[in-house]
Amino acid sequence: MTVRDFKASDFPAVCRIYFEAKREELKFEPYPFNVTPLNQDEVLLAAFYESDVIVFDDGTVRGFAATFAGQLRALFVDGAVRGRGIGQSLLDAVLARGTEGLSLNVAKSNGDALRFYARNGFSNVGETVRHYAGHEIMYLKMQLAPKLGEVIA
């Protein structure tokens, strides 16, 4: 099992994981969503390709994370293996790359993700409304808190 850099041959697995996990992410919103596949969403696809992407690979790609300019844009894990430490491994790998002050947006209705990020030192620093599939979704803006004794520039 390893976390490694994304390669083009991983794209079909990443698209499958994204599609399934995006539905899971939004399942507590008050209306149903038709999730647009990653390879068909021009805006998200462009953001994906400009990001630094890593994957968790145990012989099969099981999850991925994407970062850009100090923001964690995506961290998605295959639902069949969720809860086995894959998300933690991906986040640890992102943090090991030295992304200081890492920020992210997480759907306010996604309690599992909110608890995961809070356990990992992220705190709520605000809210933002994002649009997906014609609906407004409330997201919490989260920021990685500095470690005790760190100086914030």
Protein backbone atom coordinates (compact mmCIF):
# COMPACT_ATOMS: atom_id res chain seq x y z
CA MET A 1 0.00 0.00 0.00
CA THR A 2 1.39 3.33 -0.97
CA VAL A 3 0.58 6.94 -1.58
CA ARG A 4 2.15 8.09 -4.83
CA ASP A 5 1.87 10.77 -7.48
CA PHE A 6 -1.04 10.54 -9.91
CA LYS A 7 -0.35 9.20 -13.38
CA ALA A 8 -2.58 9.33 -16.46
CA SER A 9 -3.48 5.62 -16.20
CA ASP A 10 -5.11 6.36 -12.80
CA PHE A 11 -7.71 8.67 -14.35
CA PRO A 12 -10.53 6.11 -14.85
CA ALA A 13 -10.27 5.02 -11.20
CA VAL A 14 -10.13 8.63 -10.00
CA CYS A 15 -13.26 9.44 -12.04
CA ARG A 16 -15.13 6.47 -10.54
CA ILE A 17 -14.09 7.36 -6.99
CA TYR A 18 -15.02 11.02 -7.52
CA PHE A 19 -18.48 10.16 -8.88
CA GLU A 20 -19.37 7.81 -6.02
CA ALA A 21 -17.83 9.95 -3.27
CA LYS A 22 -19.40 13.20 -4.54
CA ARG A 23 -22.85 11.59 -4.19
CA GLU A 24 -21.92 10.49 -0.68
CA GLU A 25 -20.64 13.99 0.17
CA LEU A 26 -23.95 15.59 -0.82
CA LYS A 27 -26.37 12.95 0.49
CA PHE A 28 -27.43 15.06 3.48
CA GLU A 29 -28.35 18.10 1.39
CA PRO A 30 -32.12 18.81 1.26
CA TYR A 31 -32.45 17.96 -2.44
CA PRO A 32 -31.18 15.18 -4.71
CA PHE A 33 -28.23 15.79 -7.00
CA ASN A 34 -27.34 14.52 -10.41
CA VAL A 35 -23.57 14.31 -10.06
CA THR A 36 -21.67 15.29 -13.18
CA PRO A 37 -18.79 12.87 -13.81
CA LEU A 38 -15.39 14.49 -13.37
CA ASN A 39 -14.40 13.84 -16.98
CA GLN A 40 -17.52 15.72 -18.15
CA ASP A 41 -17.26 18.76 -15.85
CA GLU A 42 -15.04 21.27 -17.68
CA VAL A 43 -14.48 23.53 -14.67
CA LEU A 44 -13.62 20.77 -12.20
CA LEU A 45 -11.54 18.93 -14.77
CA ALA A 46 -9.45 22.05 -15.41
CA ALA A 47 -8.97 22.49 -11.65
CA PHE A 48 -8.00 18.82 -11.34
CA TYR A 49 -5.31 19.08 -14.00
CA GLU A 50 -3.75 22.22 -12.50
CA SER A 51 -3.59 20.54 -9.07
CA ASP A 52 -0.94 18.41 -7.45
CA VAL A 53 -2.71 15.03 -7.28
CA ILE A 54 -1.71 11.98 -5.28
CA VAL A 55 -3.37 8.58 -5.08
CA PHE A 56 -3.56 5.77 -2.55
CA ASP A 57 -2.68 2.55 -4.38
CA ASP A 58 -2.85 -0.95 -2.90
CA GLY A 59 -2.75 -2.57 -6.32
CA THR A 60 -5.93 -0.64 -7.10
CA VAL A 61 -6.37 3.10 -6.76
CA ARG A 62 -8.53 3.51 -3.63
CA GLY A 63 -8.49 7.26 -3.13
CA PHE A 64 -6.99 10.55 -4.22
CA ALA A 65 -6.21 14.02 -2.97
CA ALA A 66 -5.69 17.21 -4.98
CA THR A 67 -4.03 20.40 -3.75
CA PHE A 68 -3.37 23.76 -5.34
CA ALA A 69 -1.92 26.97 -3.90
CA GLY A 70 -2.35 25.91 -0.26
CA GLN A 71 -5.86 24.54 -0.68
CA LEU A 72 -6.97 20.93 -0.39
CA ARG A 73 -9.34 20.82 -3.36
CA ALA A 74 -10.30 17.17 -3.07
CA LEU A 75 -9.85 14.19 -0.82
CA PHE A 76 -12.03 11.28 -1.89
CA VAL A 77 -11.89 7.59 -0.92
CA ASP A 78 -13.58 4.61 -2.56
CA GLY A 79 -16.71 3.87 -0.51
CA ALA A 80 -15.91 0.15 -0.37
CA VAL A 81 -12.78 0.84 1.69
CA ARG A 82 -13.76 3.99 3.57
CA GLY A 83 -12.92 3.88 7.29
CA ARG A 84 -9.67 1.94 6.78
CA GLY A 85 -7.24 4.84 7.13
CA ILE A 86 -6.90 5.68 3.45
CA GLY A 87 -8.16 9.24 3.85
CA GLN A 88 -5.78 9.68 6.78
CA SER A 89 -2.87 8.36 4.71
CA LEU A 90 -3.68 10.77 1.91
CA LEU A 91 -4.02 13.75 4.25
CA ASP A 92 -0.78 12.81 6.02
CA ALA A 93 0.99 12.68 2.64
CA VAL A 94 -0.40 16.10 1.69
CA LEU A 95 0.78 17.55 5.00
CA ALA A 96 4.21 15.91 4.65
CA ARG A 97 4.71 17.84 1.43
CA GLY A 98 4.90 20.97 3.55
CA THR A 99 1.60 22.64 2.74
CA GLU A 100 1.55 25.19 5.55
CA GLY A 101 -1.71 26.88 6.42
CA LEU A 102 -3.63 24.36 4.34
CA SER A 103 -7.27 25.33 3.81
CA LEU A 104 -10.29 23.52 2.44
CA ASN A 105 -14.03 23.80 1.96
CA VAL A 106 -16.31 21.03 3.20
CA ALA A 107 -20.08 20.74 2.85
CA LYS A 108 -21.64 21.85 6.13
CA SER A 109 -23.98 18.83 5.94
CA ASN A 110 -21.05 16.37 5.72
CA GLY A 111 -20.61 15.58 9.41
CA ASP A 112 -18.15 12.72 8.89
CA ALA A 113 -15.77 14.93 6.91
CA LEU A 114 -16.11 17.80 9.40
CA ARG A 115 -15.15 15.48 12.27
CA PHE A 116 -12.24 14.02 10.26
CA TYR A 117 -10.76 17.44 9.53
CA ALA A 118 -11.33 18.69 13.10
CA ARG A 119 -9.46 15.61 14.44
CA ASN A 120 -6.61 16.58 12.14
CA GLY A 121 -6.25 20.12 13.45
CA PHE A 122 -8.49 22.05 11.06
CA SER A 123 -10.82 24.68 12.43
CA ASN A 124 -13.80 26.51 11.01
CA VAL A 125 -12.85 30.00 9.82
CA GLY A 126 -16.00 30.94 7.94
CA GLU A 127 -18.71 29.89 5.55
CA THR A 128 -19.20 30.16 1.83
CA VAL A 129 -21.96 29.27 -0.57
CA ARG A 130 -20.97 27.19 -3.60
CA HIS A 131 -23.17 26.13 -6.48
CA TYR A 132 -23.41 22.58 -7.74
CA ALA A 133 -25.90 21.21 -10.26
CA GLY A 134 -28.03 24.35 -9.97
CA HIS A 135 -28.29 24.25 -6.18
CA GLU A 136 -26.66 26.32 -3.47
CA ILE A 137 -24.64 24.35 -0.92
CA MET A 138 -23.32 25.83 2.30
CA TYR A 139 -19.66 25.00 2.86
CA LEU A 140 -17.49 25.60 5.88
CA LYS A 141 -14.11 27.10 5.21
CA MET A 142 -11.55 25.26 7.32
CA GLN A 143 -7.93 26.12 8.00
CA LEU A 144 -5.18 24.01 9.49
CA ALA A 145 -4.37 25.51 12.85
CA PRO A 146 -0.68 26.20 13.49
CA LYS A 147 1.07 23.81 15.83
CA LEU A 148 1.80 25.07 19.33
CA GLY A 149 4.84 27.31 19.20
CA GLU A 150 4.66 27.96 15.43
CA VAL A 151 4.83 31.54 14.34
CA ILE A 152 2.29 32.71 11.78
CA ALA A 153 3.88 35.00 9.22
